[in-house]
Amino acid sequence: MGALKPWHIAVLVVVLILLFGAKRLPDAARSLGRSLRIIKAETKGLADDDKDLAEKADAQAARQPLPPQPATPPAGSGQSAPPVVDPVQRVREH
């Protein structure tokens, strides 16, 4: 029952010609082809974007945090540590 026979296609073509006319069918086919090309390009672009996001996520996961900096200089170096200033507080003061 589900087999598509050649006469089914012929009936479909006749119905399309009767509905749309012979002059409008080539334009409709061209428009459909353009639309399909646009859809193909957009889906490829989305797939590329997904791949780029996955690569960025992998790069983010591979990052290691910086080791903590000592708050005071080692003993005997003769240098005093600069005062720790909160950046938000510094902006508010100036």
PDB file of N, CA and C in Angstrom:
ATOM      1  N   MET A   1       0.830  -1.191   0.000  1.00  0.00           N
ATOM      2  CA  MET A   1       0.000   0.000   0.000  1.00  0.00           C
ATOM      3  C   MET A   1       0.870   1.249   0.000  1.00  0.00           C
ATOM      4  N   GLY A   2       2.037   1.231   0.664  1.00  0.00           N
ATOM      5  CA  GLY A   2       2.856   2.419   0.784  1.00  0.00           C
ATOM      6  C   GLY A   2       3.772   2.645  -0.399  1.00  0.00           C
ATOM      7  N   ALA A   3       3.739   1.781  -1.403  1.00  0.00           N
ATOM      8  CA  ALA A   3       4.637   1.926  -2.545  1.00  0.00           C
ATOM      9  C   ALA A   3       4.166   3.081  -3.430  1.00  0.00           C
ATOM     10  N   LEU A   4       5.120   3.885  -3.882  1.00  0.00           N
ATOM     11  CA  LEU A   4       4.817   5.008  -4.765  1.00  0.00           C
ATOM     12  C   LEU A   4       5.019   4.548  -6.202  1.00  0.00           C
ATOM     13  N   LYS A   5       3.966   4.531  -6.936  1.00  0.00           N
ATOM     14  CA  LYS A   5       4.004   4.045  -8.324  1.00  0.00           C
ATOM     15  C   LYS A   5       4.191   5.234  -9.274  1.00  0.00           C
ATOM     16  N   PRO A   6       4.653   4.989 -10.502  1.00  0.00           N
ATOM     17  CA  PRO A   6       4.846   6.082 -11.456  1.00  0.00           C
ATOM     18  C   PRO A   6       3.564   6.862 -11.761  1.00  0.00           C
ATOM     19  N   TRP A   7       2.427   6.200 -11.763  1.00  0.00           N
ATOM     20  CA  TRP A   7       1.195   6.928 -12.057  1.00  0.00           C
ATOM     21  C   TRP A   7       0.811   7.853 -10.906  1.00  0.00           C
ATOM     22  N   HIS A   8       1.263   7.545  -9.657  1.00  0.00           N
ATOM     23  CA  HIS A   8       1.034   8.468  -8.539  1.00  0.00           C
ATOM     24  C   HIS A   8       1.760   9.782  -8.789  1.00  0.00           C
ATOM     25  N   ILE A   9       2.989   9.667  -9.268  1.00  0.00           N
ATOM     26  CA  ILE A   9       3.786  10.867  -9.545  1.00  0.00           C
ATOM     27  C   ILE A   9       3.151  11.666 -10.677  1.00  0.00           C
ATOM     28  N   ALA A  10       2.656  10.988 -11.701  1.00  0.00           N
ATOM     29  CA  ALA A  10       2.017  11.674 -12.827  1.00  0.00           C
ATOM     30  C   ALA A  10       0.776  12.428 -12.366  1.00  0.00           C
ATOM     31  N   VAL A  11      -0.023  11.813 -11.523  1.00  0.00           N
ATOM     32  CA  VAL A  11      -1.224  12.485 -10.999  1.00  0.00           C
ATOM     33  C   VAL A  11      -0.816  13.698 -10.166  1.00  0.00           C
ATOM     34  N   LEU A  12       0.217  13.574  -9.364  1.00  0.00           N
ATOM     35  CA  LEU A  12       0.691  14.690  -8.544  1.00  0.00           C
ATOM     36  C   LEU A  12       1.169  15.854  -9.414  1.00  0.00           C
ATOM     37  N   VAL A  13       1.899  15.562 -10.484  1.00  0.00           N
ATOM     38  CA  VAL A  13       2.377  16.610 -11.398  1.00  0.00           C
ATOM     39  C   VAL A  13       1.201  17.308 -12.067  1.00  0.00           C
ATOM     40  N   VAL A  14       0.202  16.548 -12.512  1.00  0.00           N
ATOM     41  CA  VAL A  14      -0.982  17.149 -13.155  1.00  0.00           C
ATOM     42  C   VAL A  14      -1.714  18.050 -12.177  1.00  0.00           C
ATOM     43  N   VAL A  15      -1.875  17.620 -10.939  1.00  0.00           N
ATOM     44  CA  VAL A  15      -2.561  18.432  -9.931  1.00  0.00           C
ATOM     45  C   VAL A  15      -1.769  19.724  -9.656  1.00  0.00           C
ATOM     46  N   LEU A  16      -0.460  19.630  -9.563  1.00  0.00           N
ATOM     47  CA  LEU A  16       0.355  20.825  -9.339  1.00  0.00           C
ATOM     48  C   LEU A  16       0.248  21.809 -10.497  1.00  0.00           C
ATOM     49  N   ILE A  17       0.256  21.296 -11.716  1.00  0.00           N
ATOM     50  CA  ILE A  17       0.136  22.175 -12.886  1.00  0.00           C
ATOM     51  C   ILE A  17      -1.235  22.842 -12.901  1.00  0.00           C
ATOM     52  N   LEU A  18      -2.269  22.108 -12.547  1.00  0.00           N
ATOM     53  CA  LEU A  18      -3.610  22.695 -12.512  1.00  0.00           C
ATOM     54  C   LEU A  18      -3.732  23.749 -11.413  1.00  0.00           C
ATOM     55  N   LEU A  19      -3.120  23.496 -10.271  1.00  0.00           N
ATOM     56  CA  LEU A  19      -3.222  24.450  -9.162  1.00  0.00           C
ATOM     57  C   LEU A  19      -2.397  25.716  -9.391  1.00  0.00           C
ATOM     58  N   PHE A  20      -1.163  25.550  -9.818  1.00  0.00           N
ATOM     59  CA  PHE A  20      -0.257  26.692  -9.890  1.00  0.00           C
ATOM     60  C   PHE A  20      -0.054  27.230 -11.297  1.00  0.00           C
ATOM     61  N   GLY A  21      -0.300  26.459 -12.302  1.00  0.00           N
ATOM     62  CA  GLY A  21      -0.063  26.896 -13.672  1.00  0.00           C
ATOM     63  C   GLY A  21       1.357  26.574 -14.085  1.00  0.00           C
ATOM     64  N   ALA A  22       1.547  26.367 -15.395  1.00  0.00           N
ATOM     65  CA  ALA A  22       2.852  25.948 -15.902  1.00  0.00           C
ATOM     66  C   ALA A  22       3.892  27.055 -15.791  1.00  0.00           C
ATOM     67  N   LYS A  23       3.468  28.324 -15.808  1.00  0.00           N
ATOM     68  CA  LYS A  23       4.424  29.429 -15.758  1.00  0.00           C
ATOM     69  C   LYS A  23       4.989  29.652 -14.356  1.00  0.00           C
ATOM     70  N   ARG A  24       4.210  29.379 -13.340  1.00  0.00           N
ATOM     71  CA  ARG A  24       4.655  29.652 -11.971  1.00  0.00           C
ATOM     72  C   ARG A  24       5.461  28.508 -11.361  1.00  0.00           C
ATOM     73  N   LEU A  25       5.379  27.309 -11.888  1.00  0.00           N
ATOM     74  CA  LEU A  25       6.086  26.172 -11.316  1.00  0.00           C
ATOM     75  C   LEU A  25       7.609  26.315 -11.363  1.00  0.00           C
ATOM     76  N   PRO A  26       8.221  26.761 -12.481  1.00  0.00           N
ATOM     77  CA  PRO A  26       9.681  26.923 -12.458  1.00  0.00           C
ATOM     78  C   PRO A  26      10.149  27.963 -11.431  1.00  0.00           C
ATOM     79  N   ASP A  27       9.389  29.054 -11.305  1.00  0.00           N
ATOM     80  CA  ASP A  27       9.748  30.066 -10.298  1.00  0.00           C
ATOM     81  C   ASP A  27       9.630  29.497  -8.885  1.00  0.00           C
ATOM     82  N   ALA A  28       8.591  28.713  -8.668  1.00  0.00           N
ATOM     83  CA  ALA A  28       8.406  28.096  -7.356  1.00  0.00           C
ATOM     84  C   ALA A  28       9.544  27.125  -7.056  1.00  0.00           C
ATOM     85  N   ALA A  29       9.955  26.366  -8.065  1.00  0.00           N
ATOM     86  CA  ALA A  29      11.057  25.409  -7.881  1.00  0.00           C
ATOM     87  C   ALA A  29      12.363  26.151  -7.582  1.00  0.00           C
ATOM     88  N   ARG A  30      12.602  27.269  -8.284  1.00  0.00           N
ATOM     89  CA  ARG A  30      13.805  28.065  -8.020  1.00  0.00           C
ATOM     90  C   ARG A  30      13.791  28.617  -6.595  1.00  0.00           C
ATOM     91  N   SER A  31      12.658  29.139  -6.196  1.00  0.00           N
ATOM     92  CA  SER A  31      12.539  29.680  -4.832  1.00  0.00           C
ATOM     93  C   SER A  31      12.760  28.597  -3.789  1.00  0.00           C
ATOM     94  N   LEU A  32      12.223  27.424  -4.042  1.00  0.00           N
ATOM     95  CA  LEU A  32      12.417  26.312  -3.116  1.00  0.00           C
ATOM     96  C   LEU A  32      13.884  25.924  -3.035  1.00  0.00           C
ATOM     97  N   GLY A  33      14.568  25.903  -4.185  1.00  0.00           N
ATOM     98  CA  GLY A  33      16.000  25.579  -4.202  1.00  0.00           C
ATOM     99  C   GLY A  33      16.823  26.595  -3.426  1.00  0.00           C
ATOM    100  N   ARG A  34      16.511  27.877  -3.607  1.00  0.00           N
ATOM    101  CA  ARG A  34      17.228  28.924  -2.858  1.00  0.00           C
ATOM    102  C   ARG A  34      16.994  28.775  -1.358  1.00  0.00           C
ATOM    103  N   SER A  35      15.747  28.523  -1.011  1.00  0.00           N
ATOM    104  CA  SER A  35      15.426  28.363   0.410  1.00  0.00           C
ATOM    105  C   SER A  35      16.179  27.187   1.014  1.00  0.00           C
ATOM    106  N   LEU A  36      16.241  26.090   0.287  1.00  0.00           N
ATOM    107  CA  LEU A  36      16.957  24.919   0.798  1.00  0.00           C
ATOM    108  C   LEU A  36      18.454  25.204   0.945  1.00  0.00           C
ATOM    109  N   ARG A  37      19.038  25.981   0.003  1.00  0.00           N
ATOM    110  CA  ARG A  37      20.454  26.345   0.126  1.00  0.00           C
ATOM    111  C   ARG A  37      20.692  27.205   1.359  1.00  0.00           C
ATOM    112  N   ILE A  38      19.787  28.147   1.603  1.00  0.00           N
ATOM    113  CA  ILE A  38      19.913  29.016   2.778  1.00  0.00           C
ATOM    114  C   ILE A  38      19.806  28.190   4.052  1.00  0.00           C
ATOM    115  N   ILE A  39      18.844  27.288   4.102  1.00  0.00           N
ATOM    116  CA  ILE A  39      18.673  26.440   5.290  1.00  0.00           C
ATOM    117  C   ILE A  39      19.911  25.588   5.508  1.00  0.00           C
ATOM    118  N   LYS A  40      20.468  25.037   4.423  1.00  0.00           N
ATOM    119  CA  LYS A  40      21.663  24.209   4.536  1.00  0.00           C
ATOM    120  C   LYS A  40      22.835  25.022   5.080  1.00  0.00           C
ATOM    121  N   ALA A  41      22.999  26.242   4.572  1.00  0.00           N
ATOM    122  CA  ALA A  41      24.100  27.099   5.039  1.00  0.00           C
ATOM    123  C   ALA A  41      23.922  27.472   6.506  1.00  0.00           C
ATOM    124  N   GLU A  42      22.697  27.772   6.904  1.00  0.00           N
ATOM    125  CA  GLU A  42      22.448  28.147   8.303  1.00  0.00           C
ATOM    126  C   GLU A  42      22.671  26.973   9.244  1.00  0.00           C
ATOM    127  N   THR A  43      22.217  25.783   8.863  1.00  0.00           N
ATOM    128  CA  THR A  43      22.423  24.631   9.745  1.00  0.00           C
ATOM    129  C   THR A  43      23.910  24.294   9.841  1.00  0.00           C
ATOM    130  N   LYS A  44      24.651  24.479   8.742  1.00  0.00           N
ATOM    131  CA  LYS A  44      26.095  24.259   8.798  1.00  0.00           C
ATOM    132  C   LYS A  44      26.747  25.285   9.717  1.00  0.00           C
ATOM    133  N   GLY A  45      26.279  26.535   9.643  1.00  0.00           N
ATOM    134  CA  GLY A  45      26.791  27.580  10.524  1.00  0.00           C
ATOM    135  C   GLY A  45      26.509  27.273  11.987  1.00  0.00           C
ATOM    136  N   LEU A  46      25.323  26.755  12.273  1.00  0.00           N
ATOM    137  CA  LEU A  46      24.983  26.393  13.647  1.00  0.00           C
ATOM    138  C   LEU A  46      25.859  25.247  14.140  1.00  0.00           C
ATOM    139  N   ALA A  47      26.109  24.282  13.272  1.00  0.00           N
ATOM    140  CA  ALA A  47      26.965  23.160  13.659  1.00  0.00           C
ATOM    141  C   ALA A  47      28.387  23.645  13.928  1.00  0.00           C
ATOM    142  N   ASP A  48      28.875  24.580  13.104  1.00  0.00           N
ATOM    143  CA  ASP A  48      30.215  25.147  13.323  1.00  0.00           C
ATOM    144  C   ASP A  48      30.267  25.918  14.637  1.00  0.00           C
ATOM    145  N   ASP A  49      29.180  26.671  14.933  1.00  0.00           N
ATOM    146  CA  ASP A  49      29.126  27.411  16.195  1.00  0.00           C
ATOM    147  C   ASP A  49      29.156  26.464  17.384  1.00  0.00           C
ATOM    148  N   ASP A  50      28.418  25.352  17.279  1.00  0.00           N
ATOM    149  CA  ASP A  50      28.419  24.373  18.366  1.00  0.00           C
ATOM    150  C   ASP A  50      29.817  23.785  18.552  1.00  0.00           C
ATOM    151  N   LYS A  51      30.510  23.528  17.452  1.00  0.00           N
ATOM    152  CA  LYS A  51      31.861  22.973  17.537  1.00  0.00           C
ATOM    153  C   LYS A  51      32.804  23.983  18.194  1.00  0.00           C
ATOM    154  N   ASP A  52      32.661  25.279  17.815  1.00  0.00           N
ATOM    155  CA  ASP A  52      33.505  26.315  18.409  1.00  0.00           C
ATOM    156  C   ASP A  52      33.241  26.441  19.910  1.00  0.00           C
ATOM    157  N   LEU A  53      31.968  26.371  20.301  1.00  0.00           N
ATOM    158  CA  LEU A  53      31.641  26.455  21.721  1.00  0.00           C
ATOM    159  C   LEU A  53      32.218  25.276  22.494  1.00  0.00           C
ATOM    160  N   ALA A  54      32.167  24.092  21.891  1.00  0.00           N
ATOM    161  CA  ALA A  54      32.718  22.914  22.550  1.00  0.00           C
ATOM    162  C   ALA A  54      34.230  23.052  22.718  1.00  0.00           C
ATOM    163  N   GLU A  55      34.903  23.588  21.700  1.00  0.00           N
ATOM    164  CA  GLU A  55      36.350  23.788  21.806  1.00  0.00           C
ATOM    165  C   GLU A  55      36.681  24.813  22.883  1.00  0.00           C
ATOM    166  N   LYS A  56      35.901  25.875  22.971  1.00  0.00           N
ATOM    167  CA  LYS A  56      36.132  26.890  24.004  1.00  0.00           C
ATOM    168  C   LYS A  56      35.888  26.311  25.391  1.00  0.00           C
ATOM    169  N   ALA A  57      34.855  25.481  25.509  1.00  0.00           N
ATOM    170  CA  ALA A  57      34.563  24.874  26.804  1.00  0.00           C
ATOM    171  C   ALA A  57      35.698  23.940  27.215  1.00  0.00           C
ATOM    172  N   ASP A  58      36.250  23.196  26.261  1.00  0.00           N
ATOM    173  CA  ASP A  58      37.376  22.316  26.568  1.00  0.00           C
ATOM    174  C   ASP A  58      38.588  23.132  26.997  1.00  0.00           C
ATOM    175  N   ALA A  59      38.811  24.255  26.330  1.00  0.00           N
ATOM    176  CA  ALA A  59      39.944  25.112  26.682  1.00  0.00           C
ATOM    177  C   ALA A  59      39.750  25.695  28.081  1.00  0.00           C
ATOM    178  N   GLN A  60      38.512  26.073  28.418  1.00  0.00           N
ATOM    179  CA  GLN A  60      38.236  26.619  29.751  1.00  0.00           C
ATOM    180  C   GLN A  60      38.450  25.552  30.822  1.00  0.00           C
ATOM    181  N   ALA A  61      38.052  24.316  30.529  1.00  0.00           N
ATOM    182  CA  ALA A  61      38.181  23.247  31.512  1.00  0.00           C
ATOM    183  C   ALA A  61      39.645  22.882  31.739  1.00  0.00           C
ATOM    184  N   ALA A  62      40.478  23.115  30.741  1.00  0.00           N
ATOM    185  CA  ALA A  62      41.886  22.747  30.854  1.00  0.00           C
ATOM    186  C   ALA A  62      42.709  23.781  31.620  1.00  0.00           C
ATOM    187  N   ARG A  63      42.147  24.934  31.883  1.00  0.00           N
ATOM    188  CA  ARG A  63      42.883  25.978  32.598  1.00  0.00           C
ATOM    189  C   ARG A  63      43.112  25.581  34.059  1.00  0.00           C
ATOM    190  N   GLN A  64      44.256  25.957  34.543  1.00  0.00           N
ATOM    191  CA  GLN A  64      44.586  25.723  35.943  1.00  0.00           C
ATOM    192  C   GLN A  64      44.613  27.063  36.670  1.00  0.00           C
ATOM    193  N   PRO A  65      44.160  27.103  37.910  1.00  0.00           N
ATOM    194  CA  PRO A  65      44.205  28.376  38.640  1.00  0.00           C
ATOM    195  C   PRO A  65      45.649  28.755  38.961  1.00  0.00           C
ATOM    196  N   LEU A  66      45.858  30.048  39.082  1.00  0.00           N
ATOM    197  CA  LEU A  66      47.187  30.527  39.449  1.00  0.00           C
ATOM    198  C   LEU A  66      47.504  30.131  40.881  1.00  0.00           C
ATOM    199  N   PRO A  67      48.749  29.860  41.175  1.00  0.00           N
ATOM    200  CA  PRO A  67      49.097  29.553  42.565  1.00  0.00           C
ATOM    201  C   PRO A  67      48.936  30.810  43.409  1.00  0.00           C
ATOM    202  N   PRO A  68      48.568  30.656  44.663  1.00  0.00           N
ATOM    203  CA  PRO A  68      48.371  31.832  45.514  1.00  0.00           C
ATOM    204  C   PRO A  68      49.690  32.573  45.714  1.00  0.00           C
ATOM    205  N   GLN A  69      49.610  33.899  45.703  1.00  0.00           N
ATOM    206  CA  GLN A  69      50.771  34.744  45.913  1.00  0.00           C
ATOM    207  C   GLN A  69      50.966  34.939  47.414  1.00  0.00           C
ATOM    208  N   PRO A  70      52.204  34.923  47.864  1.00  0.00           N
ATOM    209  CA  PRO A  70      52.416  35.161  49.297  1.00  0.00           C
ATOM    210  C   PRO A  70      52.032  36.607  49.642  1.00  0.00           C
ATOM    211  N   ALA A  71      51.370  36.752  50.786  1.00  0.00           N
ATOM    212  CA  ALA A  71      50.896  38.071  51.206  1.00  0.00           C
ATOM    213  C   ALA A  71      52.040  38.932  51.717  1.00  0.00           C
ATOM    214  N   THR A  72      53.038  38.319  52.285  1.00  0.00           N
ATOM    215  CA  THR A  72      54.169  39.090  52.823  1.00  0.00           C
ATOM    216  C   THR A  72      55.446  38.606  52.160  1.00  0.00           C
ATOM    217  N   PRO A  73      56.417  39.484  52.009  1.00  0.00           N
ATOM    218  CA  PRO A  73      57.685  39.045  51.423  1.00  0.00           C
ATOM    219  C   PRO A  73      58.401  38.105  52.375  1.00  0.00           C
ATOM    220  N   PRO A  74      59.274  37.283  51.856  1.00  0.00           N
ATOM    221  CA  PRO A  74      60.017  36.361  52.724  1.00  0.00           C
ATOM    222  C   PRO A  74      60.826  37.134  53.776  1.00  0.00           C
ATOM    223  N   ALA A  75      60.995  36.486  54.909  1.00  0.00           N
ATOM    224  CA  ALA A  75      61.725  37.127  56.008  1.00  0.00           C
ATOM    225  C   ALA A  75      63.168  37.397  55.593  1.00  0.00           C
ATOM    226  N   GLY A  76      63.667  38.541  55.966  1.00  0.00           N
ATOM    227  CA  GLY A  76      65.048  38.881  55.690  1.00  0.00           C
ATOM    228  C   GLY A  76      65.254  39.531  54.343  1.00  0.00           C
ATOM    229  N   SER A  77      64.222  39.793  53.587  1.00  0.00           N
ATOM    230  CA  SER A  77      64.419  40.406  52.279  1.00  0.00           C
ATOM    231  C   SER A  77      64.553  41.918  52.396  1.00  0.00           C
ATOM    232  N   GLY A  78      64.117  42.473  53.511  1.00  0.00           N
ATOM    233  CA  GLY A  78      64.255  43.902  53.731  1.00  0.00           C
ATOM    234  C   GLY A  78      63.179  44.716  53.021  1.00  0.00           C
ATOM    235  N   GLN A  79      62.246  44.094  52.361  1.00  0.00           N
ATOM    236  CA  GLN A  79      61.186  44.833  51.676  1.00  0.00           C
ATOM    237  C   GLN A  79      59.899  44.709  52.477  1.00  0.00           C
ATOM    238  N   SER A  80      59.144  45.789  52.471  1.00  0.00           N
ATOM    239  CA  SER A  80      57.845  45.727  53.129  1.00  0.00           C
ATOM    240  C   SER A  80      56.784  45.492  52.059  1.00  0.00           C
ATOM    241  N   ALA A  81      55.775  44.763  52.415  1.00  0.00           N
ATOM    242  CA  ALA A  81      54.719  44.418  51.469  1.00  0.00           C
ATOM    243  C   ALA A  81      53.843  45.646  51.217  1.00  0.00           C
ATOM    244  N   PRO A  82      53.451  45.873  49.977  1.00  0.00           N
ATOM    245  CA  PRO A  82      52.548  46.993  49.722  1.00  0.00           C
ATOM    246  C   PRO A  82      51.184  46.686  50.338  1.00  0.00           C
ATOM    247  N   PRO A  83      50.477  47.719  50.756  1.00  0.00           N
ATOM    248  CA  PRO A  83      49.169  47.479  51.381  1.00  0.00           C
ATOM    249  C   PRO A  83      48.185  46.918  50.350  1.00  0.00           C
ATOM    250  N   VAL A  84      47.338  46.037  50.813  1.00  0.00           N
ATOM    251  CA  VAL A  84      46.326  45.445  49.947  1.00  0.00           C
ATOM    252  C   VAL A  84      45.148  46.406  49.888  1.00  0.00           C
ATOM    253  N   VAL A  85      44.769  46.789  48.655  1.00  0.00           N
ATOM    254  CA  VAL A  85      43.684  47.748  48.468  1.00  0.00           C
ATOM    255  C   VAL A  85      42.577  47.080  47.670  1.00  0.00           C
ATOM    256  N   ASP A  86      41.373  47.214  48.163  1.00  0.00           N
ATOM    257  CA  ASP A  86      40.215  46.687  47.454  1.00  0.00           C
ATOM    258  C   ASP A  86      39.957  47.565  46.226  1.00  0.00           C
ATOM    259  N   PRO A  87      39.876  46.986  45.018  1.00  0.00           N
ATOM    260  CA  PRO A  87      39.674  47.805  43.820  1.00  0.00           C
ATOM    261  C   PRO A  87      38.382  48.613  43.855  1.00  0.00           C
ATOM    262  N   VAL A  88      37.345  48.048  44.438  1.00  0.00           N
ATOM    263  CA  VAL A  88      36.070  48.770  44.503  1.00  0.00           C
ATOM    264  C   VAL A  88      36.233  49.986  45.415  1.00  0.00           C
ATOM    265  N   GLN A  89      36.893  49.798  46.526  1.00  0.00           N
ATOM    266  CA  GLN A  89      37.098  50.894  47.453  1.00  0.00           C
ATOM    267  C   GLN A  89      37.966  51.971  46.807  1.00  0.00           C
ATOM    268  N   ARG A  90      38.983  51.565  46.038  1.00  0.00           N
ATOM    269  CA  ARG A  90      39.870  52.528  45.376  1.00  0.00           C
ATOM    270  C   ARG A  90      39.105  53.377  44.393  1.00  0.00           C
ATOM    271  N   VAL A  91      38.162  52.779  43.653  1.00  0.00           N
ATOM    272  CA  VAL A  91      37.358  53.539  42.684  1.00  0.00           C
ATOM    273  C   VAL A  91      36.446  54.504  43.417  1.00  0.00           C
ATOM    274  N   ARG A  92      35.887  54.091  44.533  1.00  0.00           N
ATOM    275  CA  ARG A  92      34.985  54.966  45.272  1.00  0.00           C
ATOM    276  C   ARG A  92      35.717  56.182  45.848  1.00  0.00           C
ATOM    277  N   GLU A  93      36.975  55.981  46.213  1.00  0.00           N
ATOM    278  CA  GLU A  93      37.733  57.085  46.810  1.00  0.00           C
ATOM    279  C   GLU A  93      38.128  58.109  45.765  1.00  0.00           C
ATOM    280  N   HIS A  94      38.326  57.681  44.524  1.00  0.00           N
ATOM    281  CA  HIS A  94      38.783  58.621  43.503  1.00  0.00           C
ATOM    282  C   HIS A  94      37.658  59.045  42.690  1.00  0.00           C
TER     283      HIS A  94
END
